[in-house]
Amino acid sequence: MSMAMNFRSSNFQPWPPDKGHLSDHFGECKIFREKFVKCLWENNFETALHRNESQDYLSCRMKRQLMVQESWEKLGFGHWIDGKSETESEL
């Protein structure tokens, strides 16, 4: 017997992603995305080294309604002020 899922007979209801669509059909944030991806590649995907690019990209997406408006705290940027962490700012 096959254990494959048959979506035709079920009540499967697709839902949109929580943060919005991944696609940017008109390339509105393409420049920011390219900077972000380039930074990822150049820094061996070290997340702490591309926070500015990540924040710029997310900001672009929120401004153009490609994702839900969220506070920076919810997106993981709550401890960052002007591209520096609060601990770096205090030094």
C-alpha atoms as a PDB file:
ATOM      1  CA  MET A   1       0.000   0.000   0.000  1.00  0.00           C
ATOM      2  CA  SER A   2       1.168   3.471  -0.799  1.00  0.00           C
ATOM      3  CA  MET A   3       1.565   5.998   2.008  1.00  0.00           C
ATOM      4  CA  ALA A   4       1.620   8.981  -0.386  1.00  0.00           C
ATOM      5  CA  MET A   5      -0.537  11.955   0.453  1.00  0.00           C
ATOM      6  CA  ASN A   6      -3.447  12.582  -1.826  1.00  0.00           C
ATOM      7  CA  PHE A   7      -4.287  16.297  -1.663  1.00  0.00           C
ATOM      8  CA  ARG A   8      -7.302  15.981  -3.931  1.00  0.00           C
ATOM      9  CA  SER A   9      -9.306  14.052  -1.387  1.00  0.00           C
ATOM     10  CA  SER A  10      -8.193  15.964   1.695  1.00  0.00           C
ATOM     11  CA  ASN A  11      -9.204  19.370   2.977  1.00  0.00           C
ATOM     12  CA  PHE A  12      -5.755  20.850   2.443  1.00  0.00           C
ATOM     13  CA  GLN A  13      -5.843  24.647   2.715  1.00  0.00           C
ATOM     14  CA  PRO A  14      -2.640  26.495   1.790  1.00  0.00           C
ATOM     15  CA  TRP A  15      -1.792  29.629   3.776  1.00  0.00           C
ATOM     16  CA  PRO A  16       0.556  32.529   3.076  1.00  0.00           C
ATOM     17  CA  PRO A  17       3.889  32.803   4.877  1.00  0.00           C
ATOM     18  CA  ASP A  18       3.751  34.588   8.244  1.00  0.00           C
ATOM     19  CA  LYS A  19       6.152  37.351   7.200  1.00  0.00           C
ATOM     20  CA  GLY A  20       4.928  37.829   3.635  1.00  0.00           C
ATOM     21  CA  HIS A  21       5.841  36.616   0.172  1.00  0.00           C
ATOM     22  CA  LEU A  22       9.425  35.722  -0.601  1.00  0.00           C
ATOM     23  CA  SER A  23       9.118  36.869  -4.184  1.00  0.00           C
ATOM     24  CA  ASP A  24       9.797  40.424  -5.287  1.00  0.00           C
ATOM     25  CA  HIS A  25       8.364  40.291  -8.802  1.00  0.00           C
ATOM     26  CA  PHE A  26       9.231  43.889  -9.678  1.00  0.00           C
ATOM     27  CA  GLY A  27      12.737  43.830  -8.188  1.00  0.00           C
ATOM     28  CA  GLU A  28      11.962  46.662  -5.777  1.00  0.00           C
ATOM     29  CA  CYS A  29      14.454  45.399  -3.181  1.00  0.00           C
ATOM     30  CA  LYS A  30      16.841  43.658  -5.570  1.00  0.00           C
ATOM     31  CA  ILE A  31      19.821  45.897  -4.755  1.00  0.00           C
ATOM     32  CA  PHE A  32      19.437  45.318  -1.016  1.00  0.00           C
ATOM     33  CA  ARG A  33      18.977  41.565  -1.513  1.00  0.00           C
ATOM     34  CA  GLU A  34      22.109  41.356  -3.667  1.00  0.00           C
ATOM     35  CA  LYS A  35      24.174  43.248  -1.070  1.00  0.00           C
ATOM     36  CA  PHE A  36      22.849  40.950   1.649  1.00  0.00           C
ATOM     37  CA  VAL A  37      23.581  37.744  -0.286  1.00  0.00           C
ATOM     38  CA  LYS A  38      27.023  38.995  -1.335  1.00  0.00           C
ATOM     39  CA  CYS A  39      27.867  39.737   2.291  1.00  0.00           C
ATOM     40  CA  LEU A  40      26.707  36.244   3.289  1.00  0.00           C
ATOM     41  CA  TRP A  41      28.947  34.609   0.676  1.00  0.00           C
ATOM     42  CA  GLU A  42      31.988  36.775   1.434  1.00  0.00           C
ATOM     43  CA  ASN A  43      31.764  36.150   5.168  1.00  0.00           C
ATOM     44  CA  ASN A  44      31.146  32.404   4.998  1.00  0.00           C
ATOM     45  CA  PHE A  45      27.536  32.880   6.168  1.00  0.00           C
ATOM     46  CA  GLU A  46      28.629  34.367   9.514  1.00  0.00           C
ATOM     47  CA  THR A  47      25.371  35.991  10.643  1.00  0.00           C
ATOM     48  CA  ALA A  48      26.819  38.681  12.907  1.00  0.00           C
ATOM     49  CA  LEU A  49      28.832  40.200  10.050  1.00  0.00           C
ATOM     50  CA  HIS A  50      25.901  41.180   7.833  1.00  0.00           C
ATOM     51  CA  ARG A  51      23.362  42.700  10.222  1.00  0.00           C
ATOM     52  CA  ASN A  52      23.354  46.095   8.463  1.00  0.00           C
ATOM     53  CA  GLU A  53      22.647  44.530   5.071  1.00  0.00           C
ATOM     54  CA  SER A  54      19.973  42.309   6.568  1.00  0.00           C
ATOM     55  CA  GLN A  55      18.276  45.232   8.268  1.00  0.00           C
ATOM     56  CA  ASP A  56      18.375  47.326   5.067  1.00  0.00           C
ATOM     57  CA  TYR A  57      16.834  44.488   3.081  1.00  0.00           C
ATOM     58  CA  LEU A  58      14.050  43.885   5.599  1.00  0.00           C
ATOM     59  CA  SER A  59      13.373  47.606   5.825  1.00  0.00           C
ATOM     60  CA  CYS A  60      12.982  47.791   2.048  1.00  0.00           C
ATOM     61  CA  ARG A  61      10.573  44.855   2.060  1.00  0.00           C
ATOM     62  CA  MET A  62       8.448  46.373   4.832  1.00  0.00           C
ATOM     63  CA  LYS A  63       8.334  49.815   3.170  1.00  0.00           C
ATOM     64  CA  ARG A  64       7.100  48.273  -0.086  1.00  0.00           C
ATOM     65  CA  GLN A  65       4.604  45.999   1.687  1.00  0.00           C
ATOM     66  CA  LEU A  66       6.361  42.811   0.583  1.00  0.00           C
ATOM     67  CA  MET A  67       6.212  41.628   4.171  1.00  0.00           C
ATOM     68  CA  VAL A  68       4.290  42.449   7.320  1.00  0.00           C
ATOM     69  CA  GLN A  69       5.470  45.499   9.278  1.00  0.00           C
ATOM     70  CA  GLU A  70       7.239  44.163  12.366  1.00  0.00           C
ATOM     71  CA  SER A  71       9.163  45.811  15.143  1.00  0.00           C
ATOM     72  CA  TRP A  72      12.938  45.438  14.955  1.00  0.00           C
ATOM     73  CA  GLU A  73      12.816  43.649  18.313  1.00  0.00           C
ATOM     74  CA  LYS A  74      10.631  40.893  16.856  1.00  0.00           C
ATOM     75  CA  LEU A  75      12.993  40.545  13.890  1.00  0.00           C
ATOM     76  CA  GLY A  76      16.042  40.130  16.131  1.00  0.00           C
ATOM     77  CA  PHE A  77      17.420  43.670  15.866  1.00  0.00           C
ATOM     78  CA  GLY A  78      16.194  44.990  19.214  1.00  0.00           C
ATOM     79  CA  HIS A  79      19.678  45.208  20.715  1.00  0.00           C
ATOM     80  CA  TRP A  80      21.134  47.004  17.660  1.00  0.00           C
ATOM     81  CA  ILE A  81      21.244  50.800  17.449  1.00  0.00           C
ATOM     82  CA  ASP A  82      22.487  52.457  14.241  1.00  0.00           C
ATOM     83  CA  GLY A  83      24.256  49.299  13.082  1.00  0.00           C
ATOM     84  CA  LYS A  84      26.005  48.655  16.407  1.00  0.00           C
ATOM     85  CA  SER A  85      24.977  46.499  19.302  1.00  0.00           C
ATOM     86  CA  GLU A  86      24.189  48.246  22.590  1.00  0.00           C
ATOM     87  CA  THR A  87      27.263  46.652  24.164  1.00  0.00           C
ATOM     88  CA  GLU A  88      29.484  48.066  21.388  1.00  0.00           C
ATOM     89  CA  SER A  89      27.880  51.509  21.813  1.00  0.00           C
ATOM     90  CA  GLU A  90      28.634  51.528  25.526  1.00  0.00           C
ATOM     91  CA  LEU A  91      32.362  50.914  25.018  1.00  0.00           C
END
